[in-house]
Each structure stands twice: as structure tokens, then as C-alpha cells.
Amino acid sequence: MELNQRTATIIMHEGWGKNFNFEMEDNHAYYFKSDEQEAKVVKDYEAQGFFNVEGREHGQEDWMDWDTVYYDEAADMVATANVRERQVKKQQELTL
């Protein structure tokens, strides 16, 4: 599974809530911020079959390991998000 901005955003929103907003991407990770915390979904482990999520409170220097998300978990999160998006779109079409 290839990590892209959409997948990284879904991982963050499914695991830590929609209060995390995408900030930027570099060669290492996708970065997110909330009012109180920073997080990143690290790309470096793709060849090993998982993505690592690290986070910290604003102002802290060191990143802490928050979770390891394996490909099958990420694929399930994306599939669930896709179903939700289709349901929302269908509901919007019905209300027009």
C-alpha cells in the first residue's frame, strides 16, 4: 500500500480524531497539527508493511511513538472512509 496524503489523513482522523489538520509533507512523513499536538505519519517503514505514527505536544522537542498501523489496518480505514464518503454524497444528492 502506498502512503499518500489522503491515506495519512484517514489514518490520523480514524485514530486520533478530525481535529488534526494536514500541515505539510516531506520525504520522511506527512505532518498534522491540532490545537494542542503535532503528529506525523512516517513513510520510512513502507517496505516493511507498516506506517508509524509519532506525536508530541506543541513545544516539545522529542517525538514519541503513538502507534504502528499495518497495511491491512490502513486498507480497512480507507475502505471505511470511502463508504462514508459515498453515503454522504448520496445523502447530499437526495436533499437537492
Protein backbone atom coordinates (compact mmCIF):
# COMPACT_ATOMS: atom_id res chain seq x y z
CA MET A 1 0.00 0.00 0.00
CA GLU A 2 1.37 3.39 -0.95
CA LEU A 3 1.13 6.13 1.61
CA ASN A 4 -0.27 9.36 0.22
CA GLN A 5 -1.79 12.46 1.80
CA ARG A 6 -5.33 11.09 1.74
CA THR A 7 -4.34 7.79 3.39
CA ALA A 8 -2.25 9.60 6.01
CA THR A 9 -5.17 11.94 6.75
CA ILE A 10 -7.57 9.00 7.10
CA ILE A 11 -5.14 7.26 9.48
CA MET A 12 -4.95 10.40 11.63
CA HIS A 13 -8.70 11.04 11.62
CA GLU A 14 -9.63 7.41 12.33
CA GLY A 15 -7.06 7.04 15.10
CA TRP A 16 -6.96 10.47 16.71
CA GLY A 17 -9.99 12.40 15.52
CA LYS A 18 -10.71 15.01 12.90
CA ASN A 19 -9.13 17.77 14.98
CA PHE A 20 -5.79 17.00 13.28
CA ASN A 21 -5.29 19.05 10.11
CA PHE A 22 -2.76 18.31 7.40
CA GLU A 23 0.18 20.72 7.50
CA MET A 24 2.89 19.52 5.13
CA GLU A 25 4.77 16.62 3.57
CA ASP A 26 8.47 15.93 3.19
CA ASN A 27 10.48 12.86 2.17
CA HIS A 28 10.10 11.44 5.67
CA ALA A 29 6.45 11.91 6.67
CA TYR A 30 3.07 13.62 6.45
CA TYR A 31 2.66 16.18 9.25
CA PHE A 32 -0.52 17.17 11.09
CA LYS A 33 -1.44 19.65 13.82
CA SER A 34 -4.24 20.04 16.29
CA ASP A 35 -4.70 22.84 18.81
CA GLU A 36 -2.50 21.05 21.35
CA GLN A 37 -0.44 18.44 19.50
CA GLU A 38 1.63 17.71 16.42
CA ALA A 39 1.72 14.32 14.72
CA LYS A 40 3.30 12.66 11.73
CA VAL A 41 2.66 9.53 9.72
CA VAL A 42 6.13 8.27 8.87
CA LYS A 43 6.80 6.88 5.38
CA ASP A 44 10.13 5.22 6.18
CA TYR A 45 8.64 1.81 7.01
CA GLU A 46 6.57 1.24 3.84
CA ALA A 47 8.86 -1.56 2.64
CA GLN A 48 8.29 -3.35 5.94
CA GLY A 49 4.49 -3.32 5.61
CA PHE A 50 3.50 -0.65 8.11
CA PHE A 51 3.34 3.06 8.82
CA ASN A 52 4.46 4.56 12.11
CA VAL A 53 2.57 7.38 13.79
CA GLU A 54 4.53 9.68 16.08
CA GLY A 55 3.37 12.68 18.04
CA ARG A 56 4.24 15.33 20.58
CA GLU A 57 2.73 18.23 22.46
CA HIS A 58 3.36 21.67 20.96
CA GLY A 59 6.70 22.94 22.20
CA GLN A 60 8.21 19.52 22.89
CA GLU A 61 11.36 18.61 21.04
CA ASP A 62 11.18 14.82 21.01
CA TRP A 63 8.66 12.77 19.04
CA MET A 64 7.02 9.80 20.79
CA ASP A 65 5.76 6.61 19.16
CA TRP A 66 1.97 6.69 19.16
CA ASP A 67 1.08 3.67 17.05
CA THR A 68 2.06 1.27 14.30
CA VAL A 69 -0.54 0.94 11.54
CA TYR A 70 -0.16 -2.15 9.39
CA TYR A 71 -1.22 -2.17 5.74
CA ASP A 72 -4.35 -4.26 6.37
CA GLU A 73 -5.46 -1.82 9.09
CA ALA A 74 -4.80 1.16 6.84
CA ALA A 75 -6.69 -0.51 3.97
CA ASP A 76 -9.67 -1.11 6.28
CA MET A 77 -9.59 2.55 7.38
CA VAL A 78 -9.53 3.74 3.76
CA ALA A 79 -12.38 1.38 2.80
CA THR A 80 -14.48 2.64 5.71
CA ALA A 81 -13.76 6.26 4.75
CA ASN A 82 -14.73 5.52 1.13
CA VAL A 83 -18.07 4.06 2.23
CA ARG A 84 -18.73 7.09 4.45
CA GLU A 85 -17.91 9.48 1.61
CA ARG A 86 -20.27 7.65 -0.75
CA GLN A 87 -23.03 7.74 1.86
CA VAL A 88 -22.57 11.48 2.40
CA LYS A 89 -22.59 12.13 -1.34
CA LYS A 90 -25.73 10.04 -1.78
CA GLN A 91 -27.45 11.86 1.09
CA GLN A 92 -26.47 15.22 -0.40
CA GLU A 93 -27.91 14.19 -3.78
CA LEU A 94 -31.19 13.17 -2.12
CA THR A 95 -31.55 16.54 -0.41
CA LEU A 96 -31.09 18.55 -3.62
